[in-house]
C-alpha cells in the first residue's frame, strides 16, 4: 500500500468512526505511530482533522460537520457564514 492509498484509507476510517487513537491506526495499517502522525499532518492540510492530546481521550478526530462524500456545507454552516450575513 502506498502512502497516498494509506492516507485515503485513514481518511475513510476517520470519516466512518469520527475519531480514533494513533496507536490503533498504526496497528490497523501495519506502520509505526510516527508514520501515522506524518499521514495525519498531511491530511490536516486538506481536511478538517484535529489531534487531541490526552492520556485516555487523545487521538485524531474529524470535524463533526464534515462528511467525506458530502462536499457542500450544512444549512447551519451556511447560515453562520459572516460573508453572507
N, C-alpha and C. Protein backbone atom coordinates (compact mmCIF):
# COMPACT_ATOMS: atom_id res chain seq x y z
N UNK A 1 0.85 -1.17 0.00
CA UNK A 1 0.00 0.00 0.00
C UNK A 1 0.90 1.24 0.00
N UNK A 2 0.63 2.14 -0.92
CA UNK A 2 1.42 3.38 -0.99
C UNK A 2 0.97 4.35 0.10
N UNK A 3 1.75 5.39 0.30
CA UNK A 3 1.41 6.40 1.31
C UNK A 3 0.08 7.07 0.97
N UNK A 4 -0.14 7.38 -0.30
CA UNK A 4 -1.41 8.01 -0.70
C UNK A 4 -2.60 7.09 -0.48
N UNK A 5 -2.44 5.82 -0.78
CA UNK A 5 -3.52 4.85 -0.55
C UNK A 5 -3.81 4.72 0.94
N UNK A 6 -2.74 4.69 1.74
CA UNK A 6 -2.90 4.59 3.20
C UNK A 6 -3.61 5.83 3.74
N UNK A 7 -3.24 7.01 3.27
CA UNK A 7 -3.88 8.25 3.73
C UNK A 7 -5.35 8.28 3.35
N UNK A 8 -5.67 7.82 2.17
CA UNK A 8 -7.08 7.74 1.76
C UNK A 8 -7.84 6.77 2.67
N UNK A 9 -7.22 5.65 2.99
CA UNK A 9 -7.86 4.67 3.88
C UNK A 9 -8.02 5.23 5.29
N UNK A 10 -7.04 5.98 5.77
CA UNK A 10 -7.14 6.63 7.08
C UNK A 10 -8.29 7.63 7.07
N UNK A 11 -8.39 8.42 6.02
CA UNK A 11 -9.46 9.40 5.91
C UNK A 11 -10.83 8.71 5.91
N UNK A 12 -10.95 7.62 5.18
CA UNK A 12 -12.21 6.89 5.15
C UNK A 12 -12.53 6.30 6.52
N UNK A 13 -11.51 5.78 7.22
CA UNK A 13 -11.73 5.23 8.56
C UNK A 13 -12.18 6.32 9.52
N UNK A 14 -11.54 7.49 9.46
CA UNK A 14 -11.93 8.59 10.33
C UNK A 14 -13.32 9.10 9.99
N UNK A 15 -13.67 9.11 8.72
CA UNK A 15 -14.99 9.54 8.31
C UNK A 15 -16.06 8.60 8.89
N UNK A 16 -15.78 7.32 8.91
CA UNK A 16 -16.73 6.34 9.43
C UNK A 16 -16.78 6.35 10.96
N UNK A 17 -15.62 6.44 11.60
CA UNK A 17 -15.56 6.33 13.07
C UNK A 17 -15.63 7.67 13.78
N UNK A 18 -15.30 8.75 13.08
CA UNK A 18 -15.26 10.12 13.58
C UNK A 18 -14.06 10.39 14.47
N UNK A 19 -13.52 9.42 15.18
CA UNK A 19 -12.30 9.62 15.97
C UNK A 19 -11.62 8.27 16.17
N UNK A 20 -10.32 8.34 16.40
CA UNK A 20 -9.55 7.12 16.61
C UNK A 20 -8.23 7.48 17.27
N UNK A 21 -7.62 6.51 17.90
CA UNK A 21 -6.31 6.70 18.53
C UNK A 21 -5.21 6.39 17.51
N UNK A 22 -4.11 7.12 17.63
CA UNK A 22 -2.97 6.93 16.73
C UNK A 22 -2.48 5.49 16.79
N UNK A 23 -2.37 4.96 17.98
CA UNK A 23 -1.84 3.59 18.13
C UNK A 23 -2.74 2.56 17.45
N UNK A 24 -4.05 2.77 17.48
CA UNK A 24 -4.97 1.85 16.80
C UNK A 24 -4.82 1.93 15.28
N UNK A 25 -4.67 3.14 14.77
CA UNK A 25 -4.46 3.30 13.32
C UNK A 25 -3.14 2.66 12.89
N UNK A 26 -2.10 2.83 13.69
CA UNK A 26 -0.79 2.24 13.37
C UNK A 26 -0.90 0.72 13.30
N UNK A 27 -1.58 0.14 14.27
CA UNK A 27 -1.75 -1.32 14.27
C UNK A 27 -2.60 -1.78 13.08
N UNK A 28 -3.65 -1.05 12.79
CA UNK A 28 -4.55 -1.41 11.69
C UNK A 28 -3.83 -1.38 10.34
N UNK A 29 -2.97 -0.39 10.13
CA UNK A 29 -2.30 -0.24 8.84
C UNK A 29 -0.90 -0.84 8.81
N UNK A 30 -0.44 -1.39 9.92
CA UNK A 30 0.85 -2.07 9.96
C UNK A 30 2.04 -1.14 9.77
N UNK A 31 1.94 0.07 10.30
CA UNK A 31 3.03 1.03 10.22
C UNK A 31 3.30 1.60 11.62
N UNK A 32 4.33 2.40 11.74
CA UNK A 32 4.66 2.98 13.04
C UNK A 32 3.72 4.14 13.37
N UNK A 33 3.69 4.49 14.65
CA UNK A 33 2.89 5.63 15.07
C UNK A 33 3.42 6.92 14.44
N UNK A 34 4.73 7.01 14.25
CA UNK A 34 5.32 8.19 13.60
C UNK A 34 4.81 8.33 12.16
N UNK A 35 4.68 7.21 11.46
CA UNK A 35 4.16 7.24 10.08
C UNK A 35 2.72 7.74 10.08
N UNK A 36 1.92 7.26 11.01
CA UNK A 36 0.53 7.71 11.10
C UNK A 36 0.48 9.20 11.41
N UNK A 37 1.34 9.65 12.32
CA UNK A 37 1.37 11.09 12.65
C UNK A 37 1.71 11.93 11.41
N UNK A 38 2.66 11.46 10.61
CA UNK A 38 3.01 12.16 9.37
C UNK A 38 1.82 12.16 8.41
N UNK A 39 1.16 11.03 8.28
CA UNK A 39 -0.01 10.96 7.42
C UNK A 39 -1.10 11.92 7.90
N UNK A 40 -1.31 11.99 9.19
CA UNK A 40 -2.33 12.89 9.75
C UNK A 40 -1.95 14.34 9.48
N UNK A 41 -0.68 14.68 9.62
CA UNK A 41 -0.23 16.05 9.33
C UNK A 41 -0.52 16.43 7.89
N UNK A 42 -0.30 15.51 6.97
CA UNK A 42 -0.59 15.77 5.55
C UNK A 42 -2.09 15.93 5.35
N UNK A 43 -2.88 15.05 5.94
CA UNK A 43 -4.34 15.13 5.79
C UNK A 43 -4.91 16.40 6.41
N UNK A 44 -4.31 16.88 7.50
CA UNK A 44 -4.79 18.09 8.15
C UNK A 44 -4.67 19.32 7.26
N UNK A 45 -3.80 19.27 6.28
CA UNK A 45 -3.64 20.40 5.34
C UNK A 45 -4.82 20.51 4.38
N UNK A 46 -5.57 19.43 4.23
CA UNK A 46 -6.65 19.41 3.25
C UNK A 46 -8.03 19.12 3.81
N UNK A 47 -8.09 18.59 5.02
CA UNK A 47 -9.37 18.18 5.62
C UNK A 47 -9.45 18.68 7.05
N UNK A 48 -10.66 18.85 7.57
CA UNK A 48 -10.82 19.35 8.95
C UNK A 48 -10.59 18.25 9.98
N UNK A 49 -9.34 17.89 10.13
CA UNK A 49 -8.93 16.86 11.07
C UNK A 49 -8.14 17.52 12.19
N UNK A 50 -8.39 17.10 13.41
CA UNK A 50 -7.69 17.64 14.57
C UNK A 50 -7.07 16.52 15.39
N UNK A 51 -5.99 16.84 16.06
CA UNK A 51 -5.42 15.90 17.02
C UNK A 51 -5.77 16.40 18.41
N UNK A 52 -5.98 15.47 19.30
CA UNK A 52 -6.31 15.78 20.70
C UNK A 52 -5.29 15.08 21.59
N UNK A 53 -4.76 15.83 22.53
CA UNK A 53 -3.84 15.24 23.50
C UNK A 53 -4.62 14.70 24.67
N UNK A 54 -4.08 13.71 25.30
CA UNK A 54 -4.73 13.19 26.49
C UNK A 54 -4.34 11.76 26.75
N UNK A 55 -4.31 11.43 28.01
CA UNK A 55 -3.92 10.09 28.39
C UNK A 55 -4.91 9.05 27.88
N UNK A 56 -6.19 9.35 28.01
CA UNK A 56 -7.21 8.40 27.57
C UNK A 56 -8.09 8.96 26.47
N UNK A 57 -8.22 10.25 26.39
CA UNK A 57 -9.11 10.85 25.39
C UNK A 57 -8.38 11.39 24.18
N UNK A 58 -7.08 11.16 24.09
CA UNK A 58 -6.31 11.68 22.98
C UNK A 58 -6.51 10.88 21.71
N UNK A 59 -6.11 11.48 20.60
CA UNK A 59 -6.22 10.79 19.33
C UNK A 59 -6.46 11.76 18.20
N UNK A 60 -7.13 11.28 17.19
CA UNK A 60 -7.41 12.05 15.99
C UNK A 60 -8.92 12.05 15.77
N UNK A 61 -9.45 13.20 15.36
CA UNK A 61 -10.87 13.24 15.04
C UNK A 61 -11.12 14.17 13.88
N UNK A 62 -12.21 13.89 13.19
CA UNK A 62 -12.63 14.71 12.07
C UNK A 62 -13.74 15.63 12.58
N UNK A 63 -13.82 16.83 12.02
CA UNK A 63 -14.84 17.79 12.44
C UNK A 63 -16.23 17.18 12.32
N UNK A 64 -17.06 17.51 13.29
CA UNK A 64 -18.41 16.95 13.35
C UNK A 64 -19.22 17.22 12.08
N UNK A 65 -19.05 18.38 11.49
CA UNK A 65 -19.84 18.76 10.32
C UNK A 65 -19.34 18.17 9.01
N UNK A 66 -18.12 17.61 9.00
CA UNK A 66 -17.52 17.11 7.76
C UNK A 66 -17.94 15.68 7.48
N UNK A 67 -18.30 15.44 6.23
CA UNK A 67 -18.57 14.09 5.75
C UNK A 67 -17.89 13.96 4.39
N UNK A 68 -17.13 12.93 4.23
CA UNK A 68 -16.26 12.75 3.07
C UNK A 68 -16.99 12.88 1.74
N UNK A 69 -18.13 12.27 1.60
CA UNK A 69 -18.82 12.27 0.31
C UNK A 69 -19.81 13.42 0.16
N UNK A 70 -19.90 14.27 1.15
CA UNK A 70 -20.79 15.42 1.10
C UNK A 70 -19.91 16.66 0.97
N UNK A 71 -19.84 17.24 -0.20
CA UNK A 71 -18.94 18.35 -0.47
C UNK A 71 -19.56 19.72 -0.18
N UNK A 72 -20.84 19.76 0.14
CA UNK A 72 -21.46 21.04 0.45
C UNK A 72 -21.59 21.20 1.96
N UNK A 73 -21.74 22.43 2.38
CA UNK A 73 -21.87 22.70 3.81
C UNK A 73 -23.32 22.56 4.24
N UNK A 74 -23.51 22.25 5.50
CA UNK A 74 -24.86 22.11 6.04
C UNK A 74 -25.53 23.48 6.09
N UNK A 75 -26.87 23.51 6.14
CA UNK A 75 -27.58 24.80 6.24
C UNK A 75 -27.15 25.61 7.46
N UNK A 76 -26.81 24.92 8.56
CA UNK A 76 -26.37 25.62 9.75
C UNK A 76 -25.06 26.36 9.49
N UNK A 77 -24.17 25.74 8.77
CA UNK A 77 -22.88 26.38 8.46
C UNK A 77 -23.06 27.53 7.48
N UNK A 78 -23.93 27.37 6.49
CA UNK A 78 -24.18 28.43 5.54
C UNK A 78 -24.78 29.64 6.24
N UNK A 79 -25.75 29.39 7.15
CA UNK A 79 -26.39 30.46 7.88
C UNK A 79 -25.43 31.20 8.81
N UNK A 80 -24.38 30.52 9.25
CA UNK A 80 -23.41 31.12 10.17
C UNK A 80 -22.28 31.81 9.43
N UNK A 81 -22.31 31.79 8.11
CA UNK A 81 -21.25 32.37 7.30
C UNK A 81 -21.30 33.90 7.39
N UNK A 82 -20.26 34.56 7.94
CA UNK A 82 -20.30 36.02 8.09
C UNK A 82 -20.31 36.76 6.76
N UNK A 83 -19.84 36.15 5.70
CA UNK A 83 -19.81 36.79 4.40
C UNK A 83 -21.23 36.97 3.87
N UNK A 84 -22.09 36.00 4.12
CA UNK A 84 -23.46 36.04 3.62
C UNK A 84 -24.40 36.83 4.50
N UNK A 85 -23.99 37.16 5.70
CA UNK A 85 -24.87 37.88 6.64
C UNK A 85 -24.97 39.33 6.30
